[in-house]
Protein backbone atom coordinates (compact mmCIF):
# COMPACT_ATOMS: atom_id res chain seq x y z
CA MET A 1 0.42 32.19 -18.35
CA LYS A 2 -0.64 32.29 -14.73
CA ARG A 3 -4.29 32.02 -15.75
CA ALA A 4 -3.60 28.94 -17.87
CA MET A 5 -1.94 27.26 -14.91
CA THR A 6 -4.90 28.12 -12.68
CA ASP A 7 -7.37 26.72 -15.21
CA ALA A 8 -5.39 23.49 -15.45
CA ALA A 9 -5.24 23.20 -11.66
CA THR A 10 -8.99 23.73 -11.41
CA ARG A 11 -9.64 21.01 -13.96
CA ARG A 12 -7.41 18.59 -12.03
CA ARG A 13 -9.20 19.20 -8.74
CA ALA A 14 -12.68 18.55 -10.09
CA ILE A 15 -12.74 14.92 -11.17
CA ASP A 16 -15.81 13.83 -13.01
CA PRO A 17 -17.43 10.78 -11.34
CA LEU A 18 -17.08 8.91 -14.62
CA ASP A 19 -13.34 9.56 -14.59
CA THR A 20 -12.90 7.78 -11.26
CA ASP A 21 -13.55 4.51 -13.09
CA LEU A 22 -10.48 5.25 -15.16
CA LEU A 23 -8.44 6.94 -12.45
CA GLU A 24 -8.52 4.11 -9.90
CA PRO A 25 -7.16 1.40 -12.21
CA LEU A 26 -4.47 3.75 -13.50
CA GLU A 27 -3.37 4.63 -9.98
CA GLU A 28 -3.27 0.93 -9.07
CA ARG A 29 -1.22 0.16 -12.18
CA ASP A 30 1.12 3.03 -11.30
CA LYS A 31 1.67 1.54 -7.81
CA ARG A 32 2.42 -1.89 -9.30
CA LEU A 33 4.83 -0.46 -11.83
CA TYR A 34 6.60 1.49 -9.09
CA ALA A 35 6.95 -1.71 -7.06
CA ILE A 36 8.43 -3.54 -10.06
CA VAL A 37 10.90 -0.75 -10.77
CA SER A 38 11.88 -0.51 -7.12
CA LYS A 39 12.54 -4.25 -6.83
CA ALA A 40 14.36 -4.35 -10.18
CA ILE A 41 16.66 -1.53 -9.08
CA ARG A 42 17.36 -3.39 -5.84
CA TYR A 43 18.14 -6.58 -7.75
CA ARG A 44 20.35 -4.67 -10.19
CA GLY A 45 22.41 -3.41 -7.25
CA ILE A 46 22.79 -6.97 -5.97
CA LEU A 47 23.88 -8.19 -9.40
CA SER A 48 26.37 -5.36 -9.68
CA GLU A 49 27.98 -6.38 -6.40
CA GLU A 50 28.21 -10.00 -7.47
CA VAL A 51 29.78 -9.02 -10.81
CA LYS A 52 32.41 -7.09 -8.84
CA ARG A 53 33.06 -10.21 -6.72
CA LEU A 54 33.60 -12.31 -9.83
CA ARG A 55 35.94 -9.72 -11.36
CA ILE A 56 38.14 -9.63 -8.27
CA GLY A 57 38.43 -13.40 -8.39
CA ASP A 58 35.87 -14.79 -5.96
CA ASP A 59 34.82 -18.38 -6.48
CA PRO A 60 31.92 -18.55 -8.99
CA GLU A 61 30.15 -21.16 -6.85
CA VAL A 62 30.10 -18.75 -3.90
CA VAL A 63 28.64 -16.03 -6.13
CA ARG A 64 25.98 -18.45 -7.45
CA ALA A 65 25.05 -19.35 -3.88
CA LEU A 66 24.75 -15.68 -2.94
CA LEU A 67 22.55 -14.98 -5.96
CA ALA A 68 20.32 -17.95 -5.15
CA ARG A 69 19.32 -16.18 -1.93
CA TRP A 70 17.62 -13.53 -4.05
CA ASP A 71 15.40 -15.90 -6.04
CA VAL A 72 12.50 -14.72 -3.89
CA LEU A 73 13.03 -11.20 -5.21
CA ILE A 74 13.01 -12.44 -8.80
CA ARG A 75 9.77 -14.34 -8.22
CA GLU A 76 8.22 -11.22 -6.68
CA ILE A 77 9.20 -9.15 -9.73
CA GLN A 78 7.69 -11.79 -12.02
CA ARG A 79 4.45 -11.91 -9.99
CA LEU A 80 4.10 -8.15 -10.08
CA ALA A 81 4.77 -8.08 -13.82
CA VAL A 82 2.03 -10.63 -14.46
CA GLU A 83 -0.44 -8.56 -12.45
CA LEU A 84 0.47 -5.41 -14.35
């Protein structure tokens, strides 16, 4: 088993020059996807807080105003998704 792991590690270290053409775009796509997920999780936390506010009886107009502040975050998520 140890030998199989060593062989796999050796194969990962030696990247064929032709594979770099595939590797670079995949790494870039991975970074973009991570950014989307990160921003979506942040926005989900914001939404969760605003749902709590509504459930405890806060004025819906106040909650709408608070959510409007995060429109920039939504646009950023959309931009990143288009680039993906």
